[in-house]
Amino acid sequence: MSLNLEITERLKQEGCCIVGFADLHELPAEPRKGLGVGVIMATQYAPDAVWDKLGDTQKQAIKNNWKLGDPLERYNKAAKAFLKEKGYRRNTTYPSMEVTFKMLATLAGIGWIGKCALLVSKELGPAVRFTAVLTNAPFDCGTPITSSLCPPDCNACADACPTKAVSGRMWARGIHRDEFFDVGACKKGRSKCDGICIASCPFAQKGLDY
């Protein structure tokens, strides 16, 4: 059994819905601690959190769904335990200006940056949260996604956004977020519409089957 398959099966047993492997060598060495591979793990939003489409309700539904603790912490511990057993280095990473979970997910080929500036995964759209462990283990890495795979004529998140933070323009590597998304407008109106961009995404609707 390959190393990729071994850790993927271990993480699936913990409930991890998406596992990917990112080649980090094009990123700065310091924030990744000189390690060459990122193991990217995701948990999906609770379906009822997305259905309700309301900030406070969404947060409470997620909280209720995770009574046993944040599953991302469980995945992280499982990945580090696996790598320790195999004798490889491992380091938990958190988002920074140089290395973000969204960046790692695009490098792993898990998804792309959507028009709403969220990571859109192939399986569940933007209805996911990520964590990662960096390592020197020789995993086979995914093929990076370097431009948006959102349908050019889909403006579901832009139409649903009451703050008009979503311009409808497409992401590609090298394009700054501010060129297609107004983060200031999003922050101002988030308490009233937190999650509506996730709920409106056709990829999320298909992945969560609602």
C-alpha atoms as a PDB file:
ATOM      1  CA  MET A   1       0.000   0.000   0.000  1.00  0.00           C
ATOM      2  CA  SER A   2       1.376   3.423  -0.942  1.00  0.00           C
ATOM      3  CA  LEU A   3       2.176   6.025   1.707  1.00  0.00           C
ATOM      4  CA  ASN A   4      -0.539   8.290   0.276  1.00  0.00           C
ATOM      5  CA  LEU A   5      -3.161   5.577   0.566  1.00  0.00           C
ATOM      6  CA  GLU A   6      -2.085   4.600   4.073  1.00  0.00           C
ATOM      7  CA  ILE A   7      -2.482   8.068   5.554  1.00  0.00           C
ATOM      8  CA  THR A   8      -5.636   8.749   3.538  1.00  0.00           C
ATOM      9  CA  GLU A   9      -7.294   5.623   4.930  1.00  0.00           C
ATOM     10  CA  ARG A  10      -6.200   6.574   8.455  1.00  0.00           C
ATOM     11  CA  LEU A  11      -7.712  10.035   8.068  1.00  0.00           C
ATOM     12  CA  LYS A  12     -10.914   8.740   6.470  1.00  0.00           C
ATOM     13  CA  GLN A  13     -11.389   6.558   9.556  1.00  0.00           C
ATOM     14  CA  GLU A  14     -11.330   9.778  11.585  1.00  0.00           C
ATOM     15  CA  GLY A  15     -14.058  11.236   9.367  1.00  0.00           C
ATOM     16  CA  CYS A  16     -11.881  13.412   7.142  1.00  0.00           C
ATOM     17  CA  CYS A  17     -13.790  14.047   3.906  1.00  0.00           C
ATOM     18  CA  ILE A  18     -10.960  15.400   1.724  1.00  0.00           C
ATOM     19  CA  VAL A  19      -7.222  14.625   1.811  1.00  0.00           C
ATOM     20  CA  GLY A  20      -4.693  16.185  -0.549  1.00  0.00           C
ATOM     21  CA  PHE A  21      -0.936  16.497  -0.938  1.00  0.00           C
ATOM     22  CA  ALA A  22       0.795  19.720  -1.974  1.00  0.00           C
ATOM     23  CA  ASP A  23       4.333  20.175  -3.291  1.00  0.00           C
ATOM     24  CA  LEU A  24       5.609  23.190  -1.333  1.00  0.00           C
ATOM     25  CA  HIS A  25       8.953  23.753  -2.966  1.00  0.00           C
ATOM     26  CA  GLU A  26       7.839  26.883  -4.824  1.00  0.00           C
ATOM     27  CA  LEU A  27       6.912  28.545  -1.504  1.00  0.00           C
ATOM     28  CA  PRO A  28       9.360  30.396   0.774  1.00  0.00           C
ATOM     29  CA  ALA A  29      11.400  27.996   2.941  1.00  0.00           C
ATOM     30  CA  GLU A  30      10.976  29.814   6.251  1.00  0.00           C
ATOM     31  CA  PRO A  31       7.178  29.723   6.721  1.00  0.00           C
ATOM     32  CA  ARG A  32       7.086  26.074   5.686  1.00  0.00           C
ATOM     33  CA  LYS A  33      10.056  25.291   7.977  1.00  0.00           C
ATOM     34  CA  GLY A  34      12.002  23.868   5.067  1.00  0.00           C
ATOM     35  CA  LEU A  35       9.533  20.998   4.662  1.00  0.00           C
ATOM     36  CA  GLY A  36       8.507  19.971   1.169  1.00  0.00           C
ATOM     37  CA  VAL A  37       5.001  18.483   1.357  1.00  0.00           C
ATOM     38  CA  GLY A  38       1.730  19.664   2.867  1.00  0.00           C
ATOM     39  CA  VAL A  39      -0.935  17.135   3.858  1.00  0.00           C
ATOM     40  CA  ILE A  40      -4.211  19.053   3.471  1.00  0.00           C
ATOM     41  CA  MET A  41      -7.306  17.838   5.339  1.00  0.00           C
ATOM     42  CA  ALA A  42     -10.876  19.111   5.239  1.00  0.00           C
ATOM     43  CA  THR A  43     -14.098  18.835   7.181  1.00  0.00           C
ATOM     44  CA  GLN A  44     -17.425  19.775   5.648  1.00  0.00           C
ATOM     45  CA  TYR A  45     -19.904  22.253   7.027  1.00  0.00           C
ATOM     46  CA  ALA A  46     -22.937  20.752   8.710  1.00  0.00           C
ATOM     47  CA  PRO A  47     -25.679  20.642   6.044  1.00  0.00           C
ATOM     48  CA  ASP A  48     -28.183  22.389   8.331  1.00  0.00           C
ATOM     49  CA  ALA A  49     -25.669  25.204   8.812  1.00  0.00           C
ATOM     50  CA  VAL A  50     -25.676  25.832   5.077  1.00  0.00           C
ATOM     51  CA  TRP A  51     -29.416  25.392   4.627  1.00  0.00           C
ATOM     52  CA  ASP A  52     -30.259  28.083   7.165  1.00  0.00           C
ATOM     53  CA  LYS A  53     -28.010  30.637   5.448  1.00  0.00           C
ATOM     54  CA  LEU A  54     -27.867  32.836   8.548  1.00  0.00           C
ATOM     55  CA  GLY A  55     -24.733  33.802  10.442  1.00  0.00           C
ATOM     56  CA  ASP A  56     -25.856  33.120  14.024  1.00  0.00           C
ATOM     57  CA  THR A  57     -27.806  30.004  13.072  1.00  0.00           C
ATOM     58  CA  GLN A  58     -24.905  28.732  11.003  1.00  0.00           C
ATOM     59  CA  LYS A  59     -22.450  29.124  13.841  1.00  0.00           C
ATOM     60  CA  GLN A  60     -24.767  27.410  16.317  1.00  0.00           C
ATOM     61  CA  ALA A  61     -25.472  24.533  13.934  1.00  0.00           C
ATOM     62  CA  ILE A  62     -21.757  23.986  13.400  1.00  0.00           C
ATOM     63  CA  LYS A  63     -21.179  24.135  17.152  1.00  0.00           C
ATOM     64  CA  ASN A  64     -23.898  21.541  17.756  1.00  0.00           C
ATOM     65  CA  ASN A  65     -22.474  19.320  15.033  1.00  0.00           C
ATOM     66  CA  TRP A  66     -19.007  19.378  16.632  1.00  0.00           C
ATOM     67  CA  LYS A  67     -19.881  18.630  20.262  1.00  0.00           C
ATOM     68  CA  LEU A  68     -16.958  16.222  20.483  1.00  0.00           C
ATOM     69  CA  GLY A  69     -14.517  18.945  19.456  1.00  0.00           C
ATOM     70  CA  ASP A  70     -13.331  20.491  16.247  1.00  0.00           C
ATOM     71  CA  PRO A  71     -12.722  17.586  13.859  1.00  0.00           C
ATOM     72  CA  LEU A  72      -9.809  19.465  12.281  1.00  0.00           C
ATOM     73  CA  GLU A  73      -7.855  19.034  15.511  1.00  0.00           C
ATOM     74  CA  ARG A  74      -8.575  15.299  15.396  1.00  0.00           C
ATOM     75  CA  TYR A  75      -7.370  15.016  11.811  1.00  0.00           C
ATOM     76  CA  ASN A  76      -4.247  16.986  12.631  1.00  0.00           C
ATOM     77  CA  LYS A  77      -3.375  14.696  15.537  1.00  0.00           C
ATOM     78  CA  ALA A  78      -4.012  11.592  13.441  1.00  0.00           C
ATOM     79  CA  ALA A  79      -1.771  12.840  10.627  1.00  0.00           C
ATOM     80  CA  LYS A  80       1.052  13.737  13.002  1.00  0.00           C
ATOM     81  CA  ALA A  81       0.757  10.382  14.776  1.00  0.00           C
ATOM     82  CA  PHE A  82       0.980   8.573  11.433  1.00  0.00           C
ATOM     83  CA  LEU A  83       4.052  10.545  10.352  1.00  0.00           C
ATOM     84  CA  LYS A  84       5.717   9.953  13.715  1.00  0.00           C
ATOM     85  CA  GLU A  85       5.161   6.203  13.362  1.00  0.00           C
ATOM     86  CA  LYS A  86       6.805   6.320   9.938  1.00  0.00           C
ATOM     87  CA  GLY A  87       9.762   8.350  11.195  1.00  0.00           C
ATOM     88  CA  TYR A  88       9.094  11.548   9.247  1.00  0.00           C
ATOM     89  CA  ARG A  89       9.212  15.145  10.403  1.00  0.00           C
ATOM     90  CA  ARG A  90       5.877  16.883  10.909  1.00  0.00           C
ATOM     91  CA  ASN A  91       4.867  20.423  11.713  1.00  0.00           C
ATOM     92  CA  THR A  92       1.413  21.905  12.158  1.00  0.00           C
ATOM     93  CA  THR A  93       0.896  24.987  10.055  1.00  0.00           C
ATOM     94  CA  TYR A  94      -1.508  27.882  10.459  1.00  0.00           C
ATOM     95  CA  PRO A  95      -2.440  30.497   7.876  1.00  0.00           C
ATOM     96  CA  SER A  96       0.115  33.240   7.274  1.00  0.00           C
ATOM     97  CA  MET A  97       0.714  35.784   4.548  1.00  0.00           C
ATOM     98  CA  GLU A  98       3.174  33.377   2.901  1.00  0.00           C
ATOM     99  CA  VAL A  99       1.384  30.053   3.397  1.00  0.00           C
ATOM    100  CA  THR A 100      -2.416  29.854   3.672  1.00  0.00           C
ATOM    101  CA  PHE A 101      -4.735  26.869   3.689  1.00  0.00           C
ATOM    102  CA  LYS A 102      -6.336  28.124   0.471  1.00  0.00           C
ATOM    103  CA  MET A 103      -2.935  28.300  -1.199  1.00  0.00           C
ATOM    104  CA  LEU A 104      -2.031  24.797  -0.025  1.00  0.00           C
ATOM    105  CA  ALA A 105      -5.356  23.421  -1.271  1.00  0.00           C
ATOM    106  CA  THR A 106      -4.810  24.884  -4.751  1.00  0.00           C
ATOM    107  CA  LEU A 107      -1.283  23.439  -4.827  1.00  0.00           C
ATOM    108  CA  ALA A 108      -2.696  20.033  -3.881  1.00  0.00           C
ATOM    109  CA  GLY A 109      -5.272  20.219  -6.667  1.00  0.00           C
ATOM    110  CA  ILE A 110      -8.143  20.073  -4.175  1.00  0.00           C
ATOM    111  CA  GLY A 111      -9.835  23.185  -5.518  1.00  0.00           C
ATOM    112  CA  TRP A 112      -9.546  26.781  -6.661  1.00  0.00           C
ATOM    113  CA  ILE A 113     -10.361  30.263  -5.415  1.00  0.00           C
ATOM    114  CA  GLY A 114     -13.962  31.088  -6.248  1.00  0.00           C
ATOM    115  CA  LYS A 115     -15.518  34.410  -7.157  1.00  0.00           C
ATOM    116  CA  CYS A 116     -16.399  34.874  -3.474  1.00  0.00           C
ATOM    117  CA  ALA A 117     -12.675  34.465  -2.565  1.00  0.00           C
ATOM    118  CA  LEU A 118     -13.323  31.164  -0.773  1.00  0.00           C
ATOM    119  CA  LEU A 119     -11.627  27.899  -1.651  1.00  0.00           C
ATOM    120  CA  VAL A 120     -14.040  25.948  -3.833  1.00  0.00           C
ATOM    121  CA  SER A 121     -13.369  22.223  -3.531  1.00  0.00           C
ATOM    122  CA  LYS A 122     -14.302  19.808  -6.278  1.00  0.00           C
ATOM    123  CA  GLU A 123     -16.373  17.656  -3.917  1.00  0.00           C
ATOM    124  CA  LEU A 124     -18.148  20.153  -1.643  1.00  0.00           C
ATOM    125  CA  GLY A 125     -17.620  23.591  -3.120  1.00  0.00           C
ATOM    126  CA  PRO A 126     -16.813  26.177  -0.437  1.00  0.00           C
ATOM    127  CA  ALA A 127     -18.659  24.260   2.324  1.00  0.00           C
ATOM    128  CA  VAL A 128     -15.388  23.096   3.874  1.00  0.00           C
ATOM    129  CA  ARG A 129     -12.779  24.101   6.450  1.00  0.00           C
ATOM    130  CA  PHE A 130      -9.125  23.094   6.212  1.00  0.00           C
ATOM    131  CA  THR A 131      -6.093  22.248   8.268  1.00  0.00           C
ATOM    132  CA  ALA A 132      -2.643  21.029   7.224  1.00  0.00           C
ATOM    133  CA  VAL A 133       0.481  19.292   8.441  1.00  0.00           C
ATOM    134  CA  LEU A 134       3.816  19.939   6.736  1.00  0.00           C
ATOM    135  CA  THR A 135       6.278  17.081   6.423  1.00  0.00           C
ATOM    136  CA  ASN A 136       9.336  15.696   4.677  1.00  0.00           C
ATOM    137  CA  ALA A 137       7.535  12.427   3.864  1.00  0.00           C
ATOM    138  CA  PRO A 138       7.826  11.434   0.167  1.00  0.00           C
ATOM    139  CA  PHE A 139       4.139  11.659  -0.724  1.00  0.00           C
ATOM    140  CA  ASP A 140       3.036  11.828  -4.339  1.00  0.00           C
ATOM    141  CA  CYS A 141       1.619  15.326  -4.728  1.00  0.00           C
ATOM    142  CA  GLY A 142      -1.423  16.493  -6.634  1.00  0.00           C
ATOM    143  CA  THR A 143      -1.434  18.661  -9.740  1.00  0.00           C
ATOM    144  CA  PRO A 144      -1.842  22.337  -8.790  1.00  0.00           C
ATOM    145  CA  ILE A 145      -4.887  24.264  -9.948  1.00  0.00           C
ATOM    146  CA  THR A 146      -3.776  27.680 -11.168  1.00  0.00           C
ATOM    147  CA  SER A 147      -7.006  29.287 -12.353  1.00  0.00           C
ATOM    148  CA  SER A 148     -10.671  29.273 -11.419  1.00  0.00           C
ATOM    149  CA  LEU A 149     -12.862  26.384 -12.532  1.00  0.00           C
ATOM    150  CA  CYS A 150     -16.060  28.240 -11.696  1.00  0.00           C
ATOM    151  CA  PRO A 151     -18.309  28.410 -14.781  1.00  0.00           C
ATOM    152  CA  PRO A 152     -17.697  31.873 -16.257  1.00  0.00           C
ATOM    153  CA  ASP A 153     -21.450  32.489 -16.546  1.00  0.00           C
ATOM    154  CA  CYS A 154     -22.221  31.428 -12.946  1.00  0.00           C
ATOM    155  CA  ASN A 155     -22.796  34.417 -10.671  1.00  0.00           C
ATOM    156  CA  ALA A 156     -24.756  32.682  -7.906  1.00  0.00           C
ATOM    157  CA  CYS A 157     -22.558  33.996  -5.083  1.00  0.00           C
ATOM    158  CA  ALA A 158     -22.420  37.500  -6.596  1.00  0.00           C
ATOM    159  CA  ASP A 159     -26.198  37.615  -6.991  1.00  0.00           C
ATOM    160  CA  ALA A 160     -26.737  36.347  -3.430  1.00  0.00           C
ATOM    161  CA  CYS A 161     -24.269  38.722  -1.751  1.00  0.00           C
ATOM    162  CA  PRO A 162     -26.172  41.683  -0.250  1.00  0.00           C
ATOM    163  CA  THR A 163     -22.942  43.650   0.284  1.00  0.00           C
ATOM    164  CA  LYS A 164     -21.900  43.405  -3.376  1.00  0.00           C
ATOM    165  CA  ALA A 165     -18.462  42.258  -2.260  1.00  0.00           C
ATOM    166  CA  VAL A 166     -18.343  39.707  -5.097  1.00  0.00           C
ATOM    167  CA  SER A 167     -17.507  41.348  -8.414  1.00  0.00           C
ATOM    168  CA  GLY A 168     -17.981  38.232 -10.537  1.00  0.00           C
ATOM    169  CA  ARG A 169     -14.454  38.355 -11.915  1.00  0.00           C
ATOM    170  CA  MET A 170     -12.373  35.168 -12.038  1.00  0.00           C
ATOM    171  CA  TRP A 171      -9.318  34.204  -9.992  1.00  0.00           C
ATOM    172  CA  ALA A 172      -6.015  32.985 -11.399  1.00  0.00           C
ATOM    173  CA  ARG A 173      -2.687  32.520  -9.661  1.00  0.00           C
ATOM    174  CA  GLY A 174      -0.941  35.873  -9.348  1.00  0.00           C
ATOM    175  CA  ILE A 175      -4.191  37.865  -9.205  1.00  0.00           C
ATOM    176  CA  HIS A 176      -4.613  39.575  -5.831  1.00  0.00           C
ATOM    177  CA  ARG A 177      -7.877  39.020  -3.985  1.00  0.00           C
ATOM    178  CA  ASP A 178      -8.648  42.739  -4.024  1.00  0.00           C
ATOM    179  CA  GLU A 179      -8.895  42.614  -7.801  1.00  0.00           C
ATOM    180  CA  PHE A 180     -12.047  40.485  -7.710  1.00  0.00           C
ATOM    181  CA  PHE A 181     -13.381  40.669  -4.130  1.00  0.00           C
ATOM    182  CA  ASP A 182     -14.091  43.548  -1.705  1.00  0.00           C
ATOM    183  CA  VAL A 183     -13.071  42.142   1.674  1.00  0.00           C
ATOM    184  CA  GLY A 184     -13.977  45.395   3.452  1.00  0.00           C
ATOM    185  CA  ALA A 185     -17.578  45.263   2.244  1.00  0.00           C
ATOM    186  CA  CYS A 186     -17.771  41.589   3.204  1.00  0.00           C
ATOM    187  CA  LYS A 187     -16.607  42.253   6.778  1.00  0.00           C
ATOM    188  CA  LYS A 188     -19.087  45.085   7.255  1.00  0.00           C
ATOM    189  CA  GLY A 189     -22.081  42.970   6.226  1.00  0.00           C
ATOM    190  CA  ARG A 190     -20.947  39.542   7.436  1.00  0.00           C
ATOM    191  CA  SER A 191     -23.101  39.468  10.576  1.00  0.00           C
ATOM    192  CA  LYS A 192     -26.230  39.644   8.415  1.00  0.00           C
ATOM    193  CA  CYS A 193     -25.286  37.267   5.628  1.00  0.00           C
ATOM    194  CA  ASP A 194     -22.485  34.996   6.868  1.00  0.00           C
ATOM    195  CA  GLY A 195     -22.633  31.817   4.796  1.00  0.00           C
ATOM    196  CA  ILE A 196     -25.002  32.893   2.040  1.00  0.00           C
ATOM    197  CA  CYS A 197     -22.203  32.754  -0.540  1.00  0.00           C
ATOM    198  CA  ILE A 198     -21.509  29.168   0.541  1.00  0.00           C
ATOM    199  CA  ALA A 199     -25.171  28.209   0.489  1.00  0.00           C
ATOM    200  CA  SER A 200     -25.726  29.693  -2.966  1.00  0.00           C
ATOM    201  CA  CYS A 201     -22.804  27.888  -4.619  1.00  0.00           C
ATOM    202  CA  PRO A 202     -23.925  25.116  -7.015  1.00  0.00           C
ATOM    203  CA  PHE A 203     -20.872  23.043  -6.058  1.00  0.00           C
ATOM    204  CA  ALA A 204     -21.905  23.128  -2.387  1.00  0.00           C
ATOM    205  CA  GLN A 205     -25.518  22.343  -3.252  1.00  0.00           C
ATOM    206  CA  LYS A 206     -24.459  19.332  -5.278  1.00  0.00           C
ATOM    207  CA  GLY A 207     -21.907  18.112  -2.732  1.00  0.00           C
ATOM    208  CA  LEU A 208     -24.256  18.422   0.249  1.00  0.00           C
ATOM    209  CA  ASP A 209     -27.268  17.268  -1.828  1.00  0.00           C
ATOM    210  CA  TYR A 210     -29.772  20.007  -1.069  1.00  0.00           C
END
